[in-house]
Amino acid sequence: MGFFLLLPFFLLRFGLLARLDRSALRRAAQFAPMYGRERAAYWVYQISTGAVILYPLFLPIRTSPLWRFGLGLLVYGAGLVLLAASLLHFARSDGTGLCREGVYRWSRNPMYVAYFLIFLGCAGITQSWVLLGIVAVFQLSAHWIILAEERACLARFGEPYARYMVQVRRYF
């Protein structure tokens, strides 16, 4: 069942982060204040997240054609590795909560990139076009969440975050 693909995601996202730093687990669960269309995007994000988690309950893992399965597995594995690296560095922020080390030197949002890769890999492994569509909706709505988070980070961290935005890309 495709749902079992999400177990490593949950173990990393919640188990590893809680083990590394419980306050980081709480920080990662906070959403920035949202305004206007961002509120709608937040609900689309929440619904698409639920769909990405629940829909695979009904999907088998498909190994044929092998190249699609292999590509999905590669993307999925890359997402898990990136998520683990993101969480390790997120838990070791500079005390203020600002992360600029490790994978955060190349992406301001490596956790979101990792989520996308994991879910995209799940769509490839299950070879589900519907799941792929849900992942696309998830990612589009996540972009709006990221914009709200960047605005909140600018307000909280000020000039250091503004410099960071200039130096480091939003995604990769």
N, C-alpha and C. Protein backbone atom coordinates (compact mmCIF):
# COMPACT_ATOMS: atom_id res chain seq x y z
N MET A 1 0.83 -1.19 0.00
CA MET A 1 0.00 0.00 0.00
C MET A 1 0.87 1.25 0.00
N GLY A 2 0.44 2.22 -0.77
CA GLY A 2 1.17 3.46 -0.89
C GLY A 2 1.28 4.24 0.41
N PHE A 3 0.35 4.02 1.33
CA PHE A 3 0.40 4.74 2.61
C PHE A 3 1.68 4.47 3.37
N PHE A 4 2.21 3.26 3.26
CA PHE A 4 3.43 2.92 3.99
C PHE A 4 4.62 3.74 3.54
N LEU A 5 4.51 4.34 2.35
CA LEU A 5 5.57 5.23 1.89
C LEU A 5 5.69 6.47 2.77
N LEU A 6 4.60 6.82 3.44
CA LEU A 6 4.61 8.03 4.26
C LEU A 6 5.13 7.79 5.67
N LEU A 7 5.29 6.54 6.07
CA LEU A 7 5.81 6.27 7.42
C LEU A 7 7.20 6.87 7.65
N PRO A 8 8.16 6.70 6.72
CA PRO A 8 9.46 7.35 6.94
C PRO A 8 9.34 8.88 7.04
N PHE A 9 8.44 9.46 6.26
CA PHE A 9 8.20 10.90 6.32
C PHE A 9 7.78 11.30 7.75
N PHE A 10 6.79 10.60 8.31
CA PHE A 10 6.31 10.92 9.65
C PHE A 10 7.38 10.67 10.71
N LEU A 11 8.12 9.59 10.56
CA LEU A 11 9.18 9.30 11.53
C LEU A 11 10.25 10.38 11.53
N LEU A 12 10.60 10.87 10.35
CA LEU A 12 11.58 11.95 10.27
C LEU A 12 10.98 13.26 10.78
N ARG A 13 9.86 13.66 10.20
CA ARG A 13 9.29 14.98 10.46
C ARG A 13 8.93 15.18 11.93
N PHE A 14 8.37 14.14 12.53
CA PHE A 14 7.95 14.29 13.92
C PHE A 14 8.90 13.59 14.90
N GLY A 15 9.29 12.37 14.59
CA GLY A 15 10.15 11.61 15.50
C GLY A 15 11.55 12.19 15.62
N LEU A 16 12.22 12.37 14.48
CA LEU A 16 13.59 12.88 14.51
C LEU A 16 13.63 14.29 15.07
N LEU A 17 12.73 15.15 14.62
CA LEU A 17 12.76 16.54 15.09
C LEU A 17 12.46 16.62 16.59
N ALA A 18 11.52 15.81 17.08
CA ALA A 18 11.23 15.80 18.52
C ALA A 18 12.44 15.30 19.31
N ARG A 19 13.13 14.33 18.75
CA ARG A 19 14.32 13.79 19.43
C ARG A 19 15.46 14.81 19.45
N LEU A 20 15.60 15.57 18.38
CA LEU A 20 16.67 16.56 18.30
C LEU A 20 16.39 17.77 19.17
N ASP A 21 15.15 18.28 19.11
CA ASP A 21 14.83 19.51 19.84
C ASP A 21 13.32 19.72 19.82
N ARG A 22 12.69 19.55 20.96
CA ARG A 22 11.22 19.70 21.03
C ARG A 22 10.78 21.11 20.68
N SER A 23 11.58 22.11 21.01
CA SER A 23 11.18 23.47 20.65
C SER A 23 11.22 23.66 19.13
N ALA A 24 12.12 22.97 18.45
CA ALA A 24 12.17 23.02 16.99
C ALA A 24 10.92 22.37 16.40
N LEU A 25 10.45 21.31 17.04
CA LEU A 25 9.22 20.66 16.60
C LEU A 25 8.05 21.64 16.68
N ARG A 26 7.98 22.40 17.75
CA ARG A 26 6.92 23.41 17.89
C ARG A 26 7.10 24.53 16.87
N ARG A 27 8.35 24.97 16.66
CA ARG A 27 8.61 26.04 15.67
C ARG A 27 8.18 25.61 14.28
N ALA A 28 8.45 24.36 13.93
CA ALA A 28 8.13 23.87 12.59
C ALA A 28 6.62 23.76 12.37
N ALA A 29 5.85 23.67 13.44
CA ALA A 29 4.40 23.52 13.33
C ALA A 29 3.67 24.86 13.27
N GLN A 30 4.38 25.95 13.48
CA GLN A 30 3.75 27.27 13.49
C GLN A 30 3.60 27.81 12.07
N PHE A 31 2.47 28.44 11.84
CA PHE A 31 2.24 29.12 10.57
C PHE A 31 2.30 30.61 10.81
N ALA A 32 2.83 31.32 9.85
CA ALA A 32 2.88 32.78 9.91
C ALA A 32 1.47 33.35 9.76
N PRO A 33 1.24 34.56 10.25
CA PRO A 33 -0.06 35.20 10.02
C PRO A 33 -0.33 35.33 8.51
N MET A 34 -1.57 35.07 8.12
CA MET A 34 -1.94 35.09 6.70
C MET A 34 -3.01 36.13 6.48
N TYR A 35 -2.95 36.73 5.31
CA TYR A 35 -3.88 37.79 4.96
C TYR A 35 -4.45 37.54 3.57
N GLY A 36 -5.67 37.98 3.35
CA GLY A 36 -6.28 37.91 2.02
C GLY A 36 -6.25 36.52 1.42
N ARG A 37 -5.68 36.43 0.22
CA ARG A 37 -5.63 35.16 -0.51
C ARG A 37 -4.78 34.10 0.19
N GLU A 38 -3.88 34.55 1.04
CA GLU A 38 -3.06 33.58 1.78
C GLU A 38 -3.92 32.70 2.68
N ARG A 39 -5.01 33.24 3.21
CA ARG A 39 -5.90 32.43 4.04
C ARG A 39 -6.54 31.32 3.23
N ALA A 40 -6.97 31.64 2.02
CA ALA A 40 -7.53 30.60 1.15
C ALA A 40 -6.46 29.57 0.81
N ALA A 41 -5.25 30.04 0.53
CA ALA A 41 -4.15 29.13 0.22
C ALA A 41 -3.85 28.23 1.40
N TYR A 42 -3.96 28.77 2.62
CA TYR A 42 -3.73 27.97 3.82
C TYR A 42 -4.70 26.79 3.87
N TRP A 43 -5.97 27.05 3.58
CA TRP A 43 -6.96 25.97 3.63
C TRP A 43 -6.77 24.99 2.48
N VAL A 44 -6.39 25.48 1.33
CA VAL A 44 -6.08 24.57 0.21
C VAL A 44 -4.88 23.72 0.60
N TYR A 45 -3.89 24.33 1.23
CA TYR A 45 -2.71 23.60 1.70
C TYR A 45 -3.10 22.50 2.68
N GLN A 46 -3.93 22.85 3.66
CA GLN A 46 -4.34 21.87 4.66
C GLN A 46 -5.13 20.71 4.04
N ILE A 47 -6.05 21.03 3.15
CA ILE A 47 -6.86 20.00 2.50
C ILE A 47 -5.99 19.13 1.59
N SER A 48 -5.10 19.75 0.82
CA SER A 48 -4.24 18.97 -0.08
C SER A 48 -3.25 18.12 0.72
N THR A 49 -2.80 18.62 1.88
CA THR A 49 -1.93 17.82 2.75
C THR A 49 -2.69 16.58 3.23
N GLY A 50 -3.92 16.78 3.66
CA GLY A 50 -4.74 15.64 4.07
C GLY A 50 -4.93 14.65 2.93
N ALA A 51 -5.17 15.16 1.74
CA ALA A 51 -5.36 14.29 0.58
C ALA A 51 -4.08 13.54 0.23
N VAL A 52 -2.94 14.21 0.33
CA VAL A 52 -1.66 13.56 0.03
C VAL A 52 -1.39 12.43 1.02
N ILE A 53 -1.88 12.58 2.23
CA ILE A 53 -1.67 11.55 3.24
C ILE A 53 -2.73 10.45 3.17
N LEU A 54 -3.98 10.81 2.91
CA LEU A 54 -5.05 9.82 2.91
C LEU A 54 -5.21 9.06 1.59
N TYR A 55 -5.08 9.74 0.48
CA TYR A 55 -5.31 9.09 -0.81
C TYR A 55 -4.41 7.87 -1.03
N PRO A 56 -3.13 7.92 -0.66
CA PRO A 56 -2.29 6.73 -0.86
C PRO A 56 -2.77 5.48 -0.10
N LEU A 57 -3.67 5.65 0.88
CA LEU A 57 -4.24 4.48 1.55
C LEU A 57 -4.87 3.53 0.54
N PHE A 58 -5.34 4.08 -0.56
CA PHE A 58 -6.08 3.30 -1.56
C PHE A 58 -5.25 2.95 -2.78
N LEU A 59 -3.96 3.28 -2.75
CA LEU A 59 -3.11 3.07 -3.92
C LEU A 59 -2.12 1.93 -3.72
N PRO A 60 -2.00 1.09 -4.72
CA PRO A 60 -0.94 0.07 -4.66
C PRO A 60 0.37 0.67 -5.15
N ILE A 61 1.46 0.06 -4.73
CA ILE A 61 2.77 0.41 -5.29
C ILE A 61 2.89 -0.33 -6.61
N ARG A 62 3.23 0.39 -7.66
CA ARG A 62 3.32 -0.21 -9.00
C ARG A 62 4.77 -0.22 -9.46
N THR A 63 5.28 -1.37 -9.79
CA THR A 63 6.69 -1.49 -10.19
C THR A 63 6.86 -1.55 -11.71
N SER A 64 5.76 -1.52 -12.45
CA SER A 64 5.86 -1.59 -13.90
C SER A 64 5.13 -0.39 -14.50
N PRO A 65 5.73 0.31 -15.41
CA PRO A 65 7.07 0.11 -15.96
C PRO A 65 8.15 0.47 -14.94
N LEU A 66 9.19 -0.26 -15.01
CA LEU A 66 10.27 -0.17 -14.03
C LEU A 66 10.91 1.22 -13.99
N TRP A 67 11.03 1.89 -15.15
CA TRP A 67 11.68 3.20 -15.16
C TRP A 67 10.87 4.22 -14.36
N ARG A 68 9.53 4.16 -14.42
CA ARG A 68 8.71 5.09 -13.64
C ARG A 68 8.84 4.81 -12.15
N PHE A 69 8.78 3.54 -11.81
CA PHE A 69 8.95 3.14 -10.42
C PHE A 69 10.32 3.58 -9.91
N GLY A 70 11.36 3.32 -10.69
CA GLY A 70 12.72 3.68 -10.30
C GLY A 70 12.90 5.18 -10.14
N LEU A 71 12.34 5.94 -11.07
CA LEU A 71 12.42 7.40 -10.98
C LEU A 71 11.68 7.90 -9.75
N GLY A 72 10.50 7.34 -9.50
CA GLY A 72 9.74 7.71 -8.31
C GLY A 72 10.51 7.40 -7.04
N LEU A 73 11.13 6.23 -7.01
CA LEU A 73 11.92 5.82 -5.85
C LEU A 73 13.12 6.74 -5.63
N LEU A 74 13.76 7.14 -6.72
CA LEU A 74 14.91 8.05 -6.64
C LEU A 74 14.49 9.42 -6.08
N VAL A 75 13.40 9.95 -6.59
CA VAL A 75 12.90 11.26 -6.13
C VAL A 75 12.47 11.16 -4.67
N TYR A 76 11.76 10.09 -4.33
CA TYR A 76 11.31 9.85 -2.96
C TYR A 76 12.51 9.77 -2.00
N GLY A 77 13.51 8.99 -2.37
CA GLY A 77 14.71 8.86 -1.53
C GLY A 77 15.44 10.18 -1.37
N ALA A 78 15.55 10.95 -2.45
CA ALA A 78 16.20 12.26 -2.37
C ALA A 78 15.43 13.17 -1.42
N GLY A 79 14.11 13.10 -1.47
CA GLY A 79 13.28 13.90 -0.56
C GLY A 79 13.50 13.53 0.89
N LEU A 80 13.59 12.23 1.18
CA LEU A 80 13.83 11.79 2.56
C LEU A 80 15.20 12.26 3.06
N VAL A 81 16.21 12.16 2.22
CA VAL A 81 17.56 12.60 2.61
C VAL A 81 17.55 14.11 2.86
N LEU A 82 16.93 14.86 1.95
CA LEU A 82 16.86 16.31 2.12
C LEU A 82 16.08 16.68 3.36
N LEU A 83 15.00 15.96 3.64
CA LEU A 83 14.22 16.25 4.84
C LEU A 83 15.06 16.00 6.10
N ALA A 84 15.77 14.89 6.14
CA ALA A 84 16.62 14.60 7.31
C ALA A 84 17.67 15.69 7.50
N ALA A 85 18.32 16.10 6.42
CA ALA A 85 19.33 17.16 6.51
C ALA A 85 18.70 18.48 6.95
N SER A 86 17.53 18.79 6.41
CA SER A 86 16.84 20.03 6.78
C SER A 86 16.49 20.04 8.26
N LEU A 87 16.00 18.92 8.75
CA LEU A 87 15.59 18.84 10.15
C LEU A 87 16.80 18.94 11.09
N LEU A 88 17.89 18.31 10.70
CA LEU A 88 19.11 18.39 11.53
C LEU A 88 19.56 19.84 11.68
N HIS A 89 19.55 20.59 10.60
CA HIS A 89 19.99 21.98 10.66
C HIS A 89 18.93 22.89 11.26
N PHE A 90 17.67 22.59 11.04
CA PHE A 90 16.58 23.37 11.64
C PHE A 90 16.65 23.28 13.16
N ALA A 91 16.97 22.12 13.66
CA ALA A 91 17.05 21.91 15.12
C ALA A 91 18.26 22.63 15.72
N ARG A 92 19.23 23.00 14.88
CA ARG A 92 20.44 23.67 15.36
C ARG A 92 20.49 25.12 14.89
N SER A 93 19.38 25.80 14.95
CA SER A 93 19.37 27.19 14.50
C SER A 93 20.25 28.04 15.40
N ASP A 94 20.42 29.30 15.05
CA ASP A 94 21.37 30.16 15.76
C ASP A 94 20.85 30.71 17.09
N GLY A 95 19.84 30.11 17.65
CA GLY A 95 19.30 30.58 18.93
C GLY A 95 18.13 31.53 18.75
N THR A 96 18.13 32.26 17.66
CA THR A 96 17.00 33.15 17.37
C THR A 96 15.92 32.42 16.59
N GLY A 97 16.26 31.27 16.03
CA GLY A 97 15.33 30.53 15.19
C GLY A 97 15.65 30.67 13.72
N LEU A 98 16.62 31.51 13.38
CA LEU A 98 17.01 31.70 11.99
C LEU A 98 18.01 30.62 11.60
N CYS A 99 17.70 29.90 10.54
CA CYS A 99 18.57 28.81 10.05
C CYS A 99 19.29 29.28 8.80
N ARG A 100 20.62 29.25 8.86
CA ARG A 100 21.42 29.64 7.68
C ARG A 100 22.55 28.66 7.41
N GLU A 101 22.58 27.56 8.10
CA GLU A 101 23.66 26.59 7.94
C GLU A 101 23.18 25.34 7.22
N GLY A 102 24.13 24.53 6.79
CA GLY A 102 23.79 23.27 6.12
C GLY A 102 23.02 23.52 4.83
N VAL A 103 21.95 22.79 4.63
CA VAL A 103 21.17 22.94 3.39
C VAL A 103 20.49 24.30 3.30
N TYR A 104 20.40 25.00 4.43
CA TYR A 104 19.81 26.34 4.43
C TYR A 104 20.76 27.36 3.78
N ARG A 105 21.96 26.96 3.45
CA ARG A 105 22.87 27.83 2.68
C ARG A 105 22.49 27.85 1.21
N TRP A 106 21.73 26.84 0.77
CA TRP A 106 21.36 26.74 -0.65
C TRP A 106 19.88 26.98 -0.90
N SER A 107 19.07 26.82 0.13
CA SER A 107 17.63 27.01 0.00
C SER A 107 17.08 27.59 1.29
N ARG A 108 16.20 28.59 1.16
CA ARG A 108 15.56 29.13 2.35
C ARG A 108 14.45 28.21 2.85
N ASN A 109 14.02 27.28 2.01
CA ASN A 109 12.88 26.42 2.35
C ASN A 109 13.14 24.95 2.02
N PRO A 110 14.23 24.38 2.50
CA PRO A 110 14.52 23.00 2.11
C PRO A 110 13.51 21.98 2.62
N MET A 111 12.84 22.27 3.74
CA MET A 111 11.82 21.33 4.21
C MET A 111 10.66 21.25 3.23
N TYR A 112 10.22 22.39 2.72
CA TYR A 112 9.13 22.39 1.75
C TYR A 112 9.56 21.69 0.46
N VAL A 113 10.80 21.90 0.05
CA VAL A 113 11.31 21.20 -1.14
C VAL A 113 11.32 19.70 -0.88
N ALA A 114 11.73 19.30 0.32
CA ALA A 114 11.76 17.88 0.67
C ALA A 114 10.36 17.29 0.67
N TYR A 115 9.38 18.01 1.23
CA TYR A 115 8.00 17.52 1.22
C TYR A 115 7.55 17.28 -0.22
N PHE A 116 7.83 18.26 -1.07
CA PHE A 116 7.42 18.14 -2.48
C PHE A 116 8.06 16.92 -3.12
N LEU A 117 9.36 16.73 -2.91
CA LEU A 117 10.04 15.58 -3.51
C LEU A 117 9.49 14.26 -2.97
N ILE A 118 9.24 14.18 -1.69
CA ILE A 118 8.70 12.96 -1.09
C ILE A 118 7.33 12.64 -1.70
N PHE A 119 6.45 13.63 -1.74
CA PHE A 119 5.10 13.41 -2.26
C PHE A 119 5.13 13.14 -3.76
N LEU A 120 6.01 13.83 -4.48
CA LEU A 120 6.17 13.58 -5.92
C LEU A 120 6.69 12.16 -6.14
N GLY A 121 7.63 11.72 -5.32
CA GLY A 121 8.13 10.36 -5.39
C GLY A 121 7.02 9.34 -5.13
N CYS A 122 6.16 9.63 -4.15
CA CYS A 122 5.02 8.74 -3.88
C CYS A 122 4.11 8.63 -5.09
N ALA A 123 3.89 9.75 -5.78
CA ALA A 123 3.07 9.72 -6.99
C ALA A 123 3.74 8.87 -8.06
N GLY A 124 5.06 8.94 -8.14
CA GLY A 124 5.78 8.13 -9.12
C GLY A 124 5.78 6.65 -8.77
N ILE A 125 5.94 6.34 -7.51
CA ILE A 125 5.99 4.94 -7.07
C ILE A 125 4.62 4.28 -7.22
N THR A 126 3.56 5.04 -6.94
CA THR A 126 2.22 4.49 -7.10
C THR A 126 1.69 4.69 -8.52
N GLN A 127 2.39 5.52 -9.28
CA GLN A 127 2.03 5.85 -10.66
C GLN A 127 0.58 6.34 -10.77
N SER A 128 0.26 7.24 -9.86
CA SER A 128 -1.09 7.80 -9.80
C SER A 128 -1.10 9.23 -10.32
N TRP A 129 -1.84 9.44 -11.39
CA TRP A 129 -1.99 10.78 -11.94
C TRP A 129 -2.81 11.66 -11.01
N VAL A 130 -3.76 11.07 -10.31
CA VAL A 130 -4.57 11.84 -9.36
C VAL A 130 -3.68 12.35 -8.22
N LEU A 131 -2.85 11.47 -7.68
CA LEU A 131 -1.93 11.89 -6.62
C LEU A 131 -0.97 12.96 -7.13
N LEU A 132 -0.52 12.82 -8.35
CA LEU A 132 0.35 13.84 -8.94
C LEU A 132 -0.36 15.20 -8.99
N GLY A 133 -1.64 15.19 -9.35
CA GLY A 133 -2.43 16.43 -9.35
C GLY A 133 -2.58 17.02 -7.96
N ILE A 134 -2.81 16.16 -6.99
CA ILE A 134 -2.92 16.63 -5.59
C ILE A 134 -1.60 17.24 -5.14
N VAL A 135 -0.49 16.61 -5.51
CA VAL A 135 0.83 17.13 -5.15
C VAL A 135 1.05 18.51 -5.79
N ALA A 136 0.59 18.68 -7.02
CA ALA A 136 0.72 19.99 -7.69
C ALA A 136 -0.07 21.06 -6.94
N VAL A 137 -1.29 20.73 -6.53
CA VAL A 137 -2.10 21.68 -5.75
C VAL A 137 -1.43 21.97 -4.42
N PHE A 138 -0.91 20.93 -3.78
CA PHE A 138 -0.19 21.10 -2.53
C PHE A 138 0.96 22.09 -2.71
N GLN A 139 1.75 21.90 -3.75
CA GLN A 139 2.93 22.74 -3.94
C GLN A 139 2.56 24.18 -4.26
N LEU A 140 1.54 24.38 -5.08
CA LEU A 140 1.11 25.74 -5.39
C LEU A 140 0.63 26.46 -4.13
N SER A 141 -0.14 25.77 -3.31
CA SER A 141 -0.62 26.41 -2.08
C SER A 141 0.53 26.62 -1.09
N ALA A 142 1.49 25.69 -1.07
CA ALA A 142 2.65 25.85 -0.18
C ALA A 142 3.43 27.12 -0.53
N HIS A 143 3.47 27.47 -1.81
CA HIS A 143 4.19 28.68 -2.21
C HIS A 143 3.60 29.91 -1.50
N TRP A 144 2.28 29.98 -1.39
CA TRP A 144 1.64 31.10 -0.70
C TRP A 144 1.98 31.08 0.80
N ILE A 145 2.05 29.89 1.38
CA ILE A 145 2.42 29.77 2.79
C ILE A 145 3.85 30.28 2.98
N ILE A 146 4.72 29.93 2.05
CA ILE A 146 6.13 30.34 2.11
C ILE A 146 6.24 31.86 2.02
N LEU A 147 5.46 32.48 1.15
CA LEU A 147 5.49 33.94 1.04
C LEU A 147 5.09 34.59 2.36
N ALA A 148 4.08 34.05 3.03
CA ALA A 148 3.67 34.58 4.34
C ALA A 148 4.78 34.38 5.36
N GLU A 149 5.43 33.22 5.32
CA GLU A 149 6.53 32.96 6.25
C GLU A 149 7.70 33.90 6.02
N GLU A 150 7.99 34.19 4.77
CA GLU A 150 9.08 35.13 4.48
C GLU A 150 8.77 36.51 5.01
N ARG A 151 7.54 36.95 4.86
CA ARG A 151 7.14 38.25 5.40
C ARG A 151 7.30 38.26 6.93
N ALA A 152 6.89 37.17 7.58
CA ALA A 152 7.02 37.08 9.04
C ALA A 152 8.49 37.05 9.45
N CYS A 153 9.33 36.36 8.69
CA CYS A 153 10.77 36.31 9.00
C CYS A 153 11.41 37.69 8.83
N LEU A 154 10.99 38.43 7.83
CA LEU A 154 11.51 39.80 7.66
C LEU A 154 11.14 40.66 8.86
N ALA A 155 9.90 40.51 9.33
CA ALA A 155 9.46 41.29 10.48
C ALA A 155 10.20 40.87 11.75
N ARG A 156 10.46 39.60 11.89
CA ARG A 156 11.10 39.09 13.11
C ARG A 156 12.61 39.30 13.12
N PHE A 157 13.28 39.00 12.00
CA PHE A 157 14.75 39.00 11.97
C PHE A 157 15.33 40.26 11.32
N GLY A 158 14.52 41.01 10.60
CA GLY A 158 14.96 42.26 10.01
C GLY A 158 16.04 42.13 8.95
N GLU A 159 17.04 42.99 9.06
CA GLU A 159 18.11 43.08 8.07
C GLU A 159 18.87 41.76 7.85
N PRO A 160 19.18 41.00 8.90
CA PRO A 160 19.87 39.72 8.65
C PRO A 160 19.08 38.80 7.71
N TYR A 161 17.75 38.78 7.86
CA TYR A 161 16.95 37.93 6.97
C TYR A 161 16.87 38.54 5.57
N ALA A 162 16.82 39.84 5.49
CA ALA A 162 16.80 40.50 4.17
C ALA A 162 18.08 40.17 3.40
N ARG A 163 19.23 40.19 4.08
CA ARG A 163 20.50 39.81 3.44
C ARG A 163 20.48 38.34 3.03
N TYR A 164 19.95 37.51 3.91
CA TYR A 164 19.83 36.08 3.63
C TYR A 164 18.97 35.84 2.38
N MET A 165 17.89 36.60 2.24
CA MET A 165 17.02 36.46 1.06
C MET A 165 17.76 36.80 -0.23
N VAL A 166 18.65 37.76 -0.15
CA VAL A 166 19.43 38.14 -1.32
C VAL A 166 20.47 37.07 -1.66
N GLN A 167 21.05 36.47 -0.65
CA GLN A 167 22.13 35.50 -0.84
C GLN A 167 21.65 34.10 -1.20
N VAL A 168 20.46 33.71 -0.73
CA VAL A 168 20.00 32.32 -0.85
C VAL A 168 18.66 32.28 -1.55
N ARG A 169 18.54 31.38 -2.49
CA ARG A 169 17.30 31.24 -3.26
C ARG A 169 16.16 30.70 -2.39
N ARG A 170 14.95 30.97 -2.84
CA ARG A 170 13.78 30.50 -2.11
C ARG A 170 13.72 28.98 -2.11
N TYR A 171 13.98 28.37 -3.23
CA TYR A 171 13.91 26.91 -3.32
C TYR A 171 15.33 26.36 -3.56
N PHE A 172 15.74 26.13 -4.77
CA PHE A 172 17.12 25.71 -5.08
C PHE A 172 17.55 26.32 -6.37
